[in-house]
Amino acid sequence: MKTKNILLYLLAGTIFLCGCGDDGKEVDPDNADLITDIIISSDKTAIKPTGEDKIILTAVDQDGNDISDNEKVLYFANGTRIPRKFGLRSLGTFTIQAKKDDIKSNELSVKAGIVVESLTISTDVTSIKAMAFLSLHSVLGIRTMM
C-alpha cells in the first residue's frame, strides 16, 4: 500500500513538473534591462530663473517604460550634469538631454526668463494733441484706416 502511494506521489510530481512549461519568451539575463532608446519630456518648457521654480524631467525607454529614476540615466543642461528635478538661476535657453552609457535622448529646449504677469501704464496727461498723436503713430508704425 505504501509503495502504491509513493508511486502515485511520484507520478503526480512528474506530471506537475512536466506541466510547468515556459511561455516561449526567453529572457536573456544580460539583456533584461537593455535600453536602446531614451525619450525625455518635461512638465514645463519655460521657468522663472529663481532656482525655486522647478522642472521635472521624465524619461521612457523604447518600450514606453518609465526609466526616470534609473540611476544609470543621467540628465544634462548644456552639457552640465543636473538632477531630474531642477531649477535655473540664470536667463537663457537651455538644451536638456538624458544619457545612459553611449545612448543619448532627444533634446528639449527650456527657457529661463522673466515672465511679465501684468503691466500698468499710467500718465498724468489727460489729452493728446493731434500732432503728438500722429507723431506717436509714425514712431510706433501704427496704421489707421481713415
N, C-alpha and C. Protein backbone atom coordinates (compact mmCIF):
# COMPACT_ATOMS: atom_id res chain seq x y z
N MET A 1 0.82 -1.19 0.00
CA MET A 1 0.00 0.00 0.00
C MET A 1 0.87 1.25 0.00
N LYS A 2 1.96 1.22 0.82
CA LYS A 2 2.86 2.36 0.86
C LYS A 2 3.55 2.54 -0.49
N THR A 3 3.90 1.46 -1.13
CA THR A 3 4.56 1.54 -2.43
C THR A 3 3.63 2.17 -3.45
N LYS A 4 2.34 1.82 -3.38
CA LYS A 4 1.34 2.37 -4.31
C LYS A 4 1.21 3.88 -4.10
N ASN A 5 1.18 4.34 -2.84
CA ASN A 5 1.07 5.78 -2.55
C ASN A 5 2.32 6.53 -3.03
N ILE A 6 3.47 5.92 -2.81
CA ILE A 6 4.72 6.56 -3.25
C ILE A 6 4.72 6.70 -4.77
N LEU A 7 4.28 5.66 -5.47
CA LEU A 7 4.23 5.72 -6.93
C LEU A 7 3.24 6.80 -7.40
N LEU A 8 2.11 6.92 -6.72
CA LEU A 8 1.13 7.96 -7.08
C LEU A 8 1.71 9.36 -6.86
N TYR A 9 2.42 9.55 -5.75
CA TYR A 9 3.04 10.85 -5.49
C TYR A 9 4.12 11.16 -6.54
N LEU A 10 4.91 10.16 -6.89
CA LEU A 10 5.93 10.36 -7.92
C LEU A 10 5.30 10.68 -9.27
N LEU A 11 4.22 9.99 -9.62
CA LEU A 11 3.52 10.24 -10.88
C LEU A 11 2.92 11.65 -10.89
N ALA A 12 2.29 12.04 -9.78
CA ALA A 12 1.70 13.38 -9.68
C ALA A 12 2.79 14.45 -9.75
N GLY A 13 3.91 14.21 -9.09
CA GLY A 13 5.02 15.17 -9.13
C GLY A 13 5.61 15.29 -10.53
N THR A 14 5.73 14.16 -11.23
CA THR A 14 6.26 14.18 -12.59
C THR A 14 5.33 14.95 -13.52
N ILE A 15 4.03 14.71 -13.40
CA ILE A 15 3.05 15.43 -14.23
C ILE A 15 3.10 16.93 -13.91
N PHE A 16 3.21 17.25 -12.63
CA PHE A 16 3.27 18.65 -12.22
C PHE A 16 4.50 19.34 -12.81
N LEU A 17 5.65 18.70 -12.70
CA LEU A 17 6.89 19.29 -13.21
C LEU A 17 6.90 19.38 -14.73
N CYS A 18 6.34 18.40 -15.40
CA CYS A 18 6.30 18.43 -16.86
C CYS A 18 5.28 19.46 -17.36
N GLY A 19 4.27 19.71 -16.57
CA GLY A 19 3.23 20.68 -16.95
C GLY A 19 3.71 22.11 -16.82
N CYS A 20 4.81 22.34 -16.15
CA CYS A 20 5.34 23.69 -15.99
C CYS A 20 6.26 24.01 -17.15
N GLY A 21 5.69 24.41 -18.25
CA GLY A 21 6.49 24.79 -19.41
C GLY A 21 6.68 26.29 -19.44
N ASP A 22 7.51 26.75 -20.35
CA ASP A 22 7.68 28.20 -20.48
C ASP A 22 6.67 28.74 -21.47
N ASP A 23 6.57 30.05 -21.53
CA ASP A 23 5.61 30.68 -22.43
C ASP A 23 6.22 30.99 -23.79
N GLY A 24 7.40 30.48 -24.04
CA GLY A 24 8.05 30.69 -25.32
C GLY A 24 8.90 31.94 -25.37
N LYS A 25 8.82 32.77 -24.35
CA LYS A 25 9.60 34.00 -24.31
C LYS A 25 10.83 33.77 -23.45
N GLU A 26 11.95 33.72 -24.10
CA GLU A 26 13.18 33.53 -23.35
C GLU A 26 13.70 34.89 -22.90
N VAL A 27 14.10 34.98 -21.68
CA VAL A 27 14.65 36.22 -21.14
C VAL A 27 16.15 36.03 -20.98
N ASP A 28 16.87 36.81 -21.73
CA ASP A 28 18.32 36.79 -21.63
C ASP A 28 18.71 37.66 -20.44
N PRO A 29 19.30 37.09 -19.40
CA PRO A 29 19.63 37.89 -18.22
C PRO A 29 20.55 39.06 -18.52
N ASP A 30 21.37 38.94 -19.57
CA ASP A 30 22.26 40.05 -19.93
C ASP A 30 21.50 41.20 -20.57
N ASN A 31 20.35 40.91 -21.18
CA ASN A 31 19.58 41.93 -21.88
C ASN A 31 18.27 42.28 -21.18
N ALA A 32 18.09 41.83 -19.95
CA ALA A 32 16.83 42.08 -19.24
C ALA A 32 16.58 43.57 -19.06
N ASP A 33 17.62 44.35 -18.84
CA ASP A 33 17.48 45.79 -18.65
C ASP A 33 18.05 46.57 -19.83
N LEU A 34 18.00 45.99 -21.01
CA LEU A 34 18.58 46.62 -22.19
C LEU A 34 17.76 47.83 -22.62
N ILE A 35 18.40 48.96 -22.65
CA ILE A 35 17.77 50.19 -23.12
C ILE A 35 18.46 50.58 -24.41
N THR A 36 17.68 50.70 -25.47
CA THR A 36 18.25 51.07 -26.77
C THR A 36 17.88 52.48 -27.19
N ASP A 37 16.87 53.06 -26.54
CA ASP A 37 16.42 54.41 -26.90
C ASP A 37 15.87 55.09 -25.66
N ILE A 38 16.12 56.38 -25.53
CA ILE A 38 15.61 57.17 -24.41
C ILE A 38 14.86 58.37 -24.97
N ILE A 39 13.66 58.58 -24.46
CA ILE A 39 12.84 59.73 -24.87
C ILE A 39 12.52 60.51 -23.61
N ILE A 40 12.87 61.81 -23.59
CA ILE A 40 12.59 62.62 -22.41
C ILE A 40 11.53 63.67 -22.71
N SER A 41 10.84 64.06 -21.66
CA SER A 41 9.85 65.14 -21.72
C SER A 41 9.92 65.88 -20.39
N SER A 42 9.28 67.04 -20.34
CA SER A 42 9.28 67.81 -19.10
C SER A 42 7.88 68.35 -18.85
N ASP A 43 7.63 68.71 -17.60
CA ASP A 43 6.32 69.25 -17.25
C ASP A 43 6.19 70.72 -17.63
N LYS A 44 7.31 71.40 -17.96
CA LYS A 44 7.29 72.81 -18.35
C LYS A 44 8.33 73.04 -19.43
N THR A 45 8.13 74.07 -20.23
CA THR A 45 9.14 74.45 -21.22
C THR A 45 9.73 75.81 -20.91
N ALA A 46 9.18 76.50 -19.92
CA ALA A 46 9.71 77.80 -19.50
C ALA A 46 9.55 77.94 -17.99
N ILE A 47 10.58 78.51 -17.36
CA ILE A 47 10.53 78.72 -15.92
C ILE A 47 11.13 80.08 -15.57
N LYS A 48 10.86 80.51 -14.36
CA LYS A 48 11.48 81.73 -13.83
C LYS A 48 12.86 81.36 -13.31
N PRO A 49 13.86 82.20 -13.53
CA PRO A 49 15.23 81.86 -13.10
C PRO A 49 15.48 82.17 -11.62
N THR A 50 14.61 81.68 -10.77
CA THR A 50 14.74 81.93 -9.33
C THR A 50 15.45 80.80 -8.60
N GLY A 51 15.56 79.66 -9.24
CA GLY A 51 16.11 78.48 -8.58
C GLY A 51 15.04 77.70 -7.84
N GLU A 52 13.92 78.36 -7.56
CA GLU A 52 12.82 77.71 -6.84
C GLU A 52 11.77 77.15 -7.79
N ASP A 53 11.62 77.76 -8.96
CA ASP A 53 10.70 77.25 -9.98
C ASP A 53 11.38 76.03 -10.60
N LYS A 54 10.77 74.87 -10.48
CA LYS A 54 11.43 73.62 -10.87
C LYS A 54 10.79 73.00 -12.12
N ILE A 55 11.62 72.29 -12.86
CA ILE A 55 11.18 71.47 -13.98
C ILE A 55 11.40 70.02 -13.56
N ILE A 56 10.45 69.17 -13.89
CA ILE A 56 10.58 67.74 -13.60
C ILE A 56 10.70 67.00 -14.93
N LEU A 57 11.79 66.28 -15.10
CA LEU A 57 12.04 65.52 -16.33
C LEU A 57 11.51 64.10 -16.20
N THR A 58 11.00 63.59 -17.30
CA THR A 58 10.52 62.21 -17.36
C THR A 58 11.24 61.53 -18.52
N ALA A 59 11.73 60.32 -18.28
CA ALA A 59 12.41 59.55 -19.32
C ALA A 59 11.74 58.20 -19.48
N VAL A 60 11.54 57.79 -20.73
CA VAL A 60 11.00 56.46 -21.02
C VAL A 60 11.93 55.76 -22.00
N ASP A 61 11.90 54.43 -21.96
CA ASP A 61 12.74 53.67 -22.89
C ASP A 61 11.97 53.39 -24.17
N GLN A 62 12.55 52.59 -25.04
CA GLN A 62 11.97 52.29 -26.34
C GLN A 62 10.61 51.59 -26.24
N ASP A 63 10.33 50.96 -25.10
CA ASP A 63 9.06 50.26 -24.91
C ASP A 63 8.05 51.09 -24.14
N GLY A 64 8.40 52.33 -23.80
CA GLY A 64 7.50 53.20 -23.05
C GLY A 64 7.57 53.00 -21.55
N ASN A 65 8.53 52.23 -21.08
CA ASN A 65 8.71 52.01 -19.64
C ASN A 65 9.36 53.23 -19.01
N ASP A 66 8.84 53.67 -17.88
CA ASP A 66 9.38 54.84 -17.19
C ASP A 66 10.74 54.49 -16.58
N ILE A 67 11.77 55.18 -17.02
CA ILE A 67 13.12 54.96 -16.50
C ILE A 67 13.67 56.25 -15.88
N SER A 68 12.77 57.14 -15.51
CA SER A 68 13.16 58.46 -14.98
C SER A 68 14.09 58.36 -13.78
N ASP A 69 13.83 57.42 -12.88
CA ASP A 69 14.62 57.30 -11.66
C ASP A 69 15.72 56.25 -11.75
N ASN A 70 15.95 55.73 -12.95
CA ASN A 70 17.03 54.76 -13.13
C ASN A 70 18.36 55.47 -12.84
N GLU A 71 19.13 54.90 -11.94
CA GLU A 71 20.37 55.56 -11.51
C GLU A 71 21.40 55.66 -12.63
N LYS A 72 21.23 54.89 -13.69
CA LYS A 72 22.18 54.95 -14.80
C LYS A 72 21.80 56.00 -15.85
N VAL A 73 20.58 56.54 -15.75
CA VAL A 73 20.15 57.59 -16.67
C VAL A 73 20.55 58.93 -16.07
N LEU A 74 21.40 59.66 -16.77
CA LEU A 74 21.92 60.94 -16.29
C LEU A 74 21.34 62.07 -17.13
N TYR A 75 21.06 63.20 -16.49
CA TYR A 75 20.46 64.35 -17.17
C TYR A 75 21.48 65.49 -17.26
N PHE A 76 21.43 66.24 -18.38
CA PHE A 76 22.38 67.32 -18.62
C PHE A 76 21.66 68.54 -19.17
N ALA A 77 22.09 69.73 -18.75
CA ALA A 77 21.62 71.01 -19.30
C ALA A 77 22.85 71.71 -19.87
N ASN A 78 22.86 71.90 -21.17
CA ASN A 78 24.01 72.49 -21.87
C ASN A 78 25.31 71.78 -21.50
N GLY A 79 25.24 70.46 -21.36
CA GLY A 79 26.42 69.66 -21.08
C GLY A 79 26.80 69.53 -19.62
N THR A 80 26.09 70.23 -18.73
CA THR A 80 26.37 70.16 -17.30
C THR A 80 25.37 69.24 -16.62
N ARG A 81 25.86 68.33 -15.79
CA ARG A 81 25.02 67.36 -15.08
C ARG A 81 24.03 68.08 -14.18
N ILE A 82 22.74 67.65 -14.25
CA ILE A 82 21.67 68.22 -13.43
C ILE A 82 20.84 67.09 -12.83
N PRO A 83 20.12 67.36 -11.75
CA PRO A 83 19.20 66.35 -11.22
C PRO A 83 17.93 66.29 -12.07
N ARG A 84 17.12 65.28 -11.85
CA ARG A 84 15.87 65.10 -12.61
C ARG A 84 14.88 66.23 -12.33
N LYS A 85 14.87 66.74 -11.11
CA LYS A 85 14.04 67.89 -10.74
C LYS A 85 14.99 69.04 -10.48
N PHE A 86 14.91 70.09 -11.29
CA PHE A 86 15.90 71.15 -11.16
C PHE A 86 15.30 72.52 -11.45
N GLY A 87 16.00 73.53 -10.96
CA GLY A 87 15.65 74.92 -11.23
C GLY A 87 16.86 75.62 -11.82
N LEU A 88 16.62 76.76 -12.43
CA LEU A 88 17.70 77.52 -13.05
C LEU A 88 17.82 78.88 -12.38
N ARG A 89 19.03 79.42 -12.34
CA ARG A 89 19.26 80.72 -11.71
C ARG A 89 19.77 81.76 -12.70
N SER A 90 19.84 81.42 -13.97
CA SER A 90 20.31 82.39 -14.96
C SER A 90 19.36 82.42 -16.16
N LEU A 91 19.33 83.55 -16.83
CA LEU A 91 18.47 83.73 -18.00
C LEU A 91 19.05 82.99 -19.19
N GLY A 92 18.17 82.54 -20.07
CA GLY A 92 18.64 81.92 -21.30
C GLY A 92 17.82 80.72 -21.69
N THR A 93 18.22 80.13 -22.80
CA THR A 93 17.60 78.90 -23.29
C THR A 93 18.59 77.76 -23.06
N PHE A 94 18.10 76.71 -22.46
CA PHE A 94 18.95 75.58 -22.09
C PHE A 94 18.52 74.33 -22.85
N THR A 95 19.49 73.57 -23.33
CA THR A 95 19.22 72.32 -24.03
C THR A 95 19.39 71.19 -23.04
N ILE A 96 18.31 70.43 -22.85
CA ILE A 96 18.29 69.33 -21.88
C ILE A 96 18.38 68.01 -22.64
N GLN A 97 19.19 67.10 -22.13
CA GLN A 97 19.34 65.78 -22.73
C GLN A 97 19.62 64.76 -21.64
N ALA A 98 19.19 63.52 -21.88
CA ALA A 98 19.49 62.42 -20.96
C ALA A 98 20.45 61.46 -21.66
N LYS A 99 21.29 60.80 -20.87
CA LYS A 99 22.24 59.84 -21.42
C LYS A 99 22.31 58.63 -20.51
N LYS A 100 22.50 57.47 -21.13
CA LYS A 100 22.80 56.24 -20.41
C LYS A 100 23.88 55.54 -21.22
N ASP A 101 25.05 55.45 -20.65
CA ASP A 101 26.21 54.91 -21.36
C ASP A 101 26.41 55.70 -22.65
N ASP A 102 26.32 55.04 -23.81
CA ASP A 102 26.50 55.73 -25.10
C ASP A 102 25.18 56.15 -25.74
N ILE A 103 24.08 55.92 -25.07
CA ILE A 103 22.76 56.23 -25.63
C ILE A 103 22.35 57.63 -25.21
N LYS A 104 22.00 58.45 -26.20
CA LYS A 104 21.57 59.83 -25.94
C LYS A 104 20.09 59.96 -26.28
N SER A 105 19.40 60.77 -25.49
CA SER A 105 17.97 61.00 -25.72
C SER A 105 17.77 62.13 -26.73
N ASN A 106 16.51 62.41 -26.99
CA ASN A 106 16.15 63.60 -27.74
C ASN A 106 16.54 64.83 -26.91
N GLU A 107 16.54 65.99 -27.54
CA GLU A 107 16.89 67.22 -26.82
C GLU A 107 15.63 68.04 -26.57
N LEU A 108 15.55 68.62 -25.38
CA LEU A 108 14.47 69.53 -25.02
C LEU A 108 15.05 70.92 -24.88
N SER A 109 14.26 71.91 -25.23
CA SER A 109 14.67 73.30 -25.06
C SER A 109 13.83 73.91 -23.94
N VAL A 110 14.50 74.44 -22.93
CA VAL A 110 13.83 75.06 -21.78
C VAL A 110 14.31 76.50 -21.67
N LYS A 111 13.36 77.41 -21.54
CA LYS A 111 13.70 78.83 -21.42
C LYS A 111 13.57 79.28 -19.97
N ALA A 112 14.57 79.98 -19.51
CA ALA A 112 14.52 80.60 -18.19
C ALA A 112 14.51 82.10 -18.42
N GLY A 113 13.42 82.74 -18.06
CA GLY A 113 13.31 84.16 -18.32
C GLY A 113 12.33 84.82 -17.38
N ILE A 114 12.30 86.12 -17.48
CA ILE A 114 11.39 86.90 -16.65
C ILE A 114 10.02 86.86 -17.31
N VAL A 115 9.03 86.50 -16.54
CA VAL A 115 7.66 86.43 -17.03
C VAL A 115 6.92 87.66 -16.55
N VAL A 116 6.40 88.43 -17.50
CA VAL A 116 5.61 89.62 -17.15
C VAL A 116 4.18 89.16 -16.92
N GLU A 117 3.75 89.25 -15.68
CA GLU A 117 2.40 88.80 -15.35
C GLU A 117 1.38 89.92 -15.49
N SER A 118 1.81 91.15 -15.30
CA SER A 118 0.91 92.29 -15.52
C SER A 118 1.75 93.52 -15.83
N LEU A 119 1.14 94.46 -16.53
CA LEU A 119 1.82 95.69 -16.92
C LEU A 119 0.83 96.83 -16.79
N THR A 120 1.22 97.84 -16.05
CA THR A 120 0.35 99.00 -15.86
C THR A 120 1.07 100.24 -16.39
N ILE A 121 0.37 100.97 -17.25
CA ILE A 121 0.90 102.22 -17.78
C ILE A 121 0.00 103.34 -17.29
N SER A 122 0.61 104.36 -16.73
CA SER A 122 -0.20 105.49 -16.26
C SER A 122 0.45 106.79 -16.72
N THR A 123 -0.35 107.83 -16.77
CA THR A 123 0.13 109.15 -17.17
C THR A 123 -0.67 110.22 -16.46
N ASP A 124 -0.10 111.38 -16.34
CA ASP A 124 -0.85 112.48 -15.75
C ASP A 124 -1.42 113.39 -16.84
N VAL A 125 -1.20 113.05 -18.10
CA VAL A 125 -1.73 113.82 -19.23
C VAL A 125 -3.16 113.37 -19.48
N THR A 126 -4.06 114.33 -19.62
CA THR A 126 -5.46 113.98 -19.83
C THR A 126 -5.89 114.14 -21.28
N SER A 127 -5.05 114.77 -22.10
CA SER A 127 -5.41 114.91 -23.52
C SER A 127 -4.15 114.82 -24.36
N ILE A 128 -4.34 114.40 -25.61
CA ILE A 128 -3.23 114.29 -26.54
C ILE A 128 -3.54 115.18 -27.73
N LYS A 129 -2.63 116.04 -28.10
CA LYS A 129 -2.83 116.92 -29.25
C LYS A 129 -2.70 116.11 -30.53
N ALA A 130 -3.34 116.55 -31.56
CA ALA A 130 -3.38 115.82 -32.83
C ALA A 130 -1.99 115.57 -33.39
N MET A 131 -1.11 116.51 -33.37
CA MET A 131 0.24 116.33 -33.91
C MET A 131 1.03 115.29 -33.10
N ALA A 132 0.89 115.33 -31.80
CA ALA A 132 1.57 114.35 -30.95
C ALA A 132 1.03 112.95 -31.24
N PHE A 133 -0.26 112.85 -31.47
CA PHE A 133 -0.89 111.57 -31.77
C PHE A 133 -0.36 111.02 -33.09
N LEU A 134 -0.27 111.89 -34.11
CA LEU A 134 0.25 111.46 -35.41
C LEU A 134 1.72 111.08 -35.31
N SER A 135 2.50 111.83 -34.54
CA SER A 135 3.91 111.51 -34.35
C SER A 135 4.07 110.16 -33.66
N LEU A 136 3.23 109.92 -32.68
CA LEU A 136 3.27 108.64 -31.96
C LEU A 136 2.95 107.50 -32.91
N HIS A 137 1.97 107.70 -33.78
CA HIS A 137 1.63 106.67 -34.77
C HIS A 137 2.80 106.38 -35.70
N SER A 138 3.47 107.41 -36.16
CA SER A 138 4.57 107.18 -37.09
C SER A 138 5.78 106.54 -36.40
N VAL A 139 6.03 106.89 -35.15
CA VAL A 139 7.14 106.29 -34.41
C VAL A 139 6.88 104.81 -34.14
N LEU A 140 5.65 104.49 -33.76
CA LEU A 140 5.31 103.10 -33.44
C LEU A 140 4.95 102.29 -34.68
N GLY A 141 4.79 102.96 -35.81
CA GLY A 141 4.44 102.23 -37.02
C GLY A 141 3.00 101.76 -37.02
N ILE A 142 2.13 102.49 -36.36
CA ILE A 142 0.72 102.10 -36.29
C ILE A 142 0.01 102.65 -37.51
N ARG A 143 -0.74 101.80 -38.15
CA ARG A 143 -1.52 102.23 -39.32
C ARG A 143 -2.98 102.31 -38.92
N THR A 144 -3.60 103.38 -39.32
CA THR A 144 -5.03 103.53 -39.06
C THR A 144 -5.76 103.68 -40.37
N MET A 145 -6.96 103.23 -40.38
CA MET A 145 -7.79 103.37 -41.58
C MET A 145 -8.63 104.62 -41.44
N MET A 146 -8.57 105.50 -42.43
CA MET A 146 -9.35 106.73 -42.38
C MET A 146 -10.29 106.78 -43.52
